[in-house]
């Protein structure tokens, strides 16, 4: 029984979010949340919120699911559309400022004993 949560259009670069998501992949939900709560990265708060949402989705869809047996089956970060802004430079030129975004997807499943 899988459950999934997706955080879309998050304003953090995919490269920074992947650093956090790679640490969570394959871990038990309880252990992953403990790791994310003490991690000093902005992406850790976003991934923790998405993970809690996935747990809530699992409980909502299947009322007799054992939350203690849930683990992160899949976790990946895709690139969202980038915002392009322009910064003025010398001699009438302009350089782009690229503001990247992410789509964070977490899939949970029940670990068989």
C-alpha atoms as a PDB file:
ATOM      1  CA  UNK A   1       0.000   0.000   0.000  1.00  0.00           C
ATOM      2  CA  UNK A   2       1.712   3.149  -1.200  1.00  0.00           C
ATOM      3  CA  UNK A   3       0.919   6.723  -0.299  1.00  0.00           C
ATOM      4  CA  UNK A   4       2.347   9.798  -1.936  1.00  0.00           C
ATOM      5  CA  UNK A   5       2.764  13.511  -1.309  1.00  0.00           C
ATOM      6  CA  UNK A   6       4.048  16.143  -3.715  1.00  0.00           C
ATOM      7  CA  UNK A   7       5.191  19.657  -2.830  1.00  0.00           C
ATOM      8  CA  UNK A   8       5.048  21.658  -6.034  1.00  0.00           C
ATOM      9  CA  UNK A   9       6.573  25.009  -6.993  1.00  0.00           C
ATOM     10  CA  UNK A  10       8.780  25.196  -3.907  1.00  0.00           C
ATOM     11  CA  UNK A  11      11.195  28.116  -4.077  1.00  0.00           C
ATOM     12  CA  UNK A  12      14.443  26.246  -3.448  1.00  0.00           C
ATOM     13  CA  UNK A  13      16.935  25.036  -5.992  1.00  0.00           C
ATOM     14  CA  UNK A  14      16.654  21.350  -6.880  1.00  0.00           C
ATOM     15  CA  UNK A  15      20.337  20.836  -6.194  1.00  0.00           C
ATOM     16  CA  UNK A  16      19.991  21.953  -2.566  1.00  0.00           C
ATOM     17  CA  UNK A  17      16.774  19.977  -2.060  1.00  0.00           C
ATOM     18  CA  UNK A  18      18.332  16.781  -3.451  1.00  0.00           C
ATOM     19  CA  UNK A  19      21.031  16.894  -0.760  1.00  0.00           C
ATOM     20  CA  UNK A  20      18.334  16.523   1.908  1.00  0.00           C
ATOM     21  CA  UNK A  21      16.105  14.094  -0.006  1.00  0.00           C
ATOM     22  CA  UNK A  22      19.017  11.717  -0.617  1.00  0.00           C
ATOM     23  CA  UNK A  23      19.515  11.361   3.147  1.00  0.00           C
ATOM     24  CA  UNK A  24      15.859  10.452   3.738  1.00  0.00           C
ATOM     25  CA  UNK A  25      15.397   7.870   0.964  1.00  0.00           C
ATOM     26  CA  UNK A  26      14.948   4.325   2.286  1.00  0.00           C
ATOM     27  CA  UNK A  27      14.641   5.341   5.963  1.00  0.00           C
ATOM     28  CA  UNK A  28      11.799   4.600   8.387  1.00  0.00           C
ATOM     29  CA  UNK A  29       9.416   7.566   8.671  1.00  0.00           C
ATOM     30  CA  UNK A  30      10.082   8.105  12.374  1.00  0.00           C
ATOM     31  CA  UNK A  31      13.852   8.143  11.862  1.00  0.00           C
ATOM     32  CA  UNK A  32      13.585  10.399   8.800  1.00  0.00           C
ATOM     33  CA  UNK A  33      11.502  12.960  10.705  1.00  0.00           C
ATOM     34  CA  UNK A  34      13.987  12.926  13.584  1.00  0.00           C
ATOM     35  CA  UNK A  35      16.836  13.568  11.145  1.00  0.00           C
ATOM     36  CA  UNK A  36      14.975  16.371   9.393  1.00  0.00           C
ATOM     37  CA  UNK A  37      14.016  18.137  12.629  1.00  0.00           C
ATOM     38  CA  UNK A  38      17.654  18.651  13.645  1.00  0.00           C
ATOM     39  CA  UNK A  39      19.029  19.364  10.172  1.00  0.00           C
ATOM     40  CA  UNK A  40      20.004  23.057   9.720  1.00  0.00           C
ATOM     41  CA  UNK A  41      18.907  23.365   6.082  1.00  0.00           C
ATOM     42  CA  UNK A  42      15.932  25.191   4.608  1.00  0.00           C
ATOM     43  CA  UNK A  43      15.062  22.165   2.477  1.00  0.00           C
ATOM     44  CA  UNK A  44      14.801  19.993   5.608  1.00  0.00           C
ATOM     45  CA  UNK A  45      11.724  21.915   6.807  1.00  0.00           C
ATOM     46  CA  UNK A  46      10.059  21.575   3.405  1.00  0.00           C
ATOM     47  CA  UNK A  47      10.827  17.852   3.095  1.00  0.00           C
ATOM     48  CA  UNK A  48       9.614  17.237   6.663  1.00  0.00           C
ATOM     49  CA  UNK A  49       6.326  18.970   5.890  1.00  0.00           C
ATOM     50  CA  UNK A  50       5.919  16.872   2.744  1.00  0.00           C
ATOM     51  CA  UNK A  51       6.754  13.703   4.671  1.00  0.00           C
ATOM     52  CA  UNK A  52       4.133  14.488   7.321  1.00  0.00           C
ATOM     53  CA  UNK A  53       1.635  15.045   4.514  1.00  0.00           C
ATOM     54  CA  UNK A  54       2.464  11.640   3.018  1.00  0.00           C
ATOM     55  CA  UNK A  55       1.933   9.991   6.420  1.00  0.00           C
ATOM     56  CA  UNK A  56      -1.421  11.756   6.761  1.00  0.00           C
ATOM     57  CA  UNK A  57      -2.367  10.577   3.260  1.00  0.00           C
ATOM     58  CA  UNK A  58      -1.499   7.010   4.241  1.00  0.00           C
ATOM     59  CA  UNK A  59      -3.667   7.205   7.375  1.00  0.00           C
ATOM     60  CA  UNK A  60      -6.518   8.826   5.454  1.00  0.00           C
ATOM     61  CA  UNK A  61      -6.619   6.264   2.650  1.00  0.00           C
ATOM     62  CA  UNK A  62      -6.136   3.212   4.862  1.00  0.00           C
ATOM     63  CA  UNK A  63      -7.359   3.583   8.439  1.00  0.00           C
ATOM     64  CA  UNK A  64      -5.652   0.415   9.737  1.00  0.00           C
ATOM     65  CA  UNK A  65      -2.155   1.227   8.447  1.00  0.00           C
ATOM     66  CA  UNK A  66       0.675   0.862  10.970  1.00  0.00           C
ATOM     67  CA  UNK A  67       2.580   4.151  10.846  1.00  0.00           C
ATOM     68  CA  UNK A  68       5.576   2.602  12.597  1.00  0.00           C
ATOM     69  CA  UNK A  69       6.142   0.282   9.617  1.00  0.00           C
ATOM     70  CA  UNK A  70       6.081   3.023   6.960  1.00  0.00           C
ATOM     71  CA  UNK A  71       9.311   3.859   5.152  1.00  0.00           C
ATOM     72  CA  UNK A  72      10.318   6.209   2.340  1.00  0.00           C
ATOM     73  CA  UNK A  73      10.175   4.030  -0.761  1.00  0.00           C
ATOM     74  CA  UNK A  74      10.890   6.733  -3.334  1.00  0.00           C
ATOM     75  CA  UNK A  75      12.045  10.312  -2.935  1.00  0.00           C
ATOM     76  CA  UNK A  76      13.021  12.599  -5.756  1.00  0.00           C
ATOM     77  CA  UNK A  77      13.200  16.251  -6.704  1.00  0.00           C
ATOM     78  CA  UNK A  78      12.238  17.558 -10.126  1.00  0.00           C
ATOM     79  CA  UNK A  79      12.863  21.007 -11.491  1.00  0.00           C
ATOM     80  CA  UNK A  80       9.996  23.492 -11.477  1.00  0.00           C
ATOM     81  CA  UNK A  81       9.756  26.418 -13.912  1.00  0.00           C
ATOM     82  CA  UNK A  82      12.431  29.020 -13.274  1.00  0.00           C
ATOM     83  CA  UNK A  83      11.753  32.694 -12.773  1.00  0.00           C
ATOM     84  CA  UNK A  84      13.993  35.034 -14.734  1.00  0.00           C
ATOM     85  CA  UNK A  85      14.610  38.509 -13.403  1.00  0.00           C
ATOM     86  CA  UNK A  86      17.031  41.088 -14.742  1.00  0.00           C
ATOM     87  CA  UNK A  87      19.689  43.061 -12.920  1.00  0.00           C
ATOM     88  CA  UNK A  88      21.066  46.275 -14.426  1.00  0.00           C
ATOM     89  CA  UNK A  89      24.771  46.363 -15.174  1.00  0.00           C
ATOM     90  CA  UNK A  90      27.264  48.910 -16.464  1.00  0.00           C
ATOM     91  CA  UNK A  91      27.006  50.516 -19.918  1.00  0.00           C
ATOM     92  CA  UNK A  92      23.315  49.777 -20.387  1.00  0.00           C
ATOM     93  CA  UNK A  93      23.638  46.010 -20.132  1.00  0.00           C
ATOM     94  CA  UNK A  94      21.598  43.616 -18.034  1.00  0.00           C
ATOM     95  CA  UNK A  95      22.337  40.178 -16.601  1.00  0.00           C
ATOM     96  CA  UNK A  96      19.731  37.568 -15.739  1.00  0.00           C
ATOM     97  CA  UNK A  97      18.952  36.486 -12.203  1.00  0.00           C
ATOM     98  CA  UNK A  98      17.660  32.908 -12.294  1.00  0.00           C
ATOM     99  CA  UNK A  99      15.342  31.882  -9.451  1.00  0.00           C
ATOM    100  CA  UNK A 100      14.952  28.125  -9.511  1.00  0.00           C
ATOM    101  CA  UNK A 101      12.104  26.089  -8.099  1.00  0.00           C
ATOM    102  CA  UNK A 102      11.471  22.447  -7.225  1.00  0.00           C
ATOM    103  CA  UNK A 103       8.805  19.765  -7.164  1.00  0.00           C
ATOM    104  CA  UNK A 104       9.489  17.390  -4.224  1.00  0.00           C
ATOM    105  CA  UNK A 105       7.863  13.938  -4.373  1.00  0.00           C
ATOM    106  CA  UNK A 106       7.847  11.385  -1.561  1.00  0.00           C
ATOM    107  CA  UNK A 107       6.336   7.879  -1.826  1.00  0.00           C
ATOM    108  CA  UNK A 108       5.815   5.839   1.345  1.00  0.00           C
ATOM    109  CA  UNK A 109       5.192   2.117   1.632  1.00  0.00           C
ATOM    110  CA  UNK A 110       4.748  -0.448   4.395  1.00  0.00           C
ATOM    111  CA  UNK A 111       7.887  -2.439   5.132  1.00  0.00           C
ATOM    112  CA  UNK A 112       7.276  -6.173   5.325  1.00  0.00           C
ATOM    113  CA  UNK A 113       8.776  -7.791   8.382  1.00  0.00           C
END
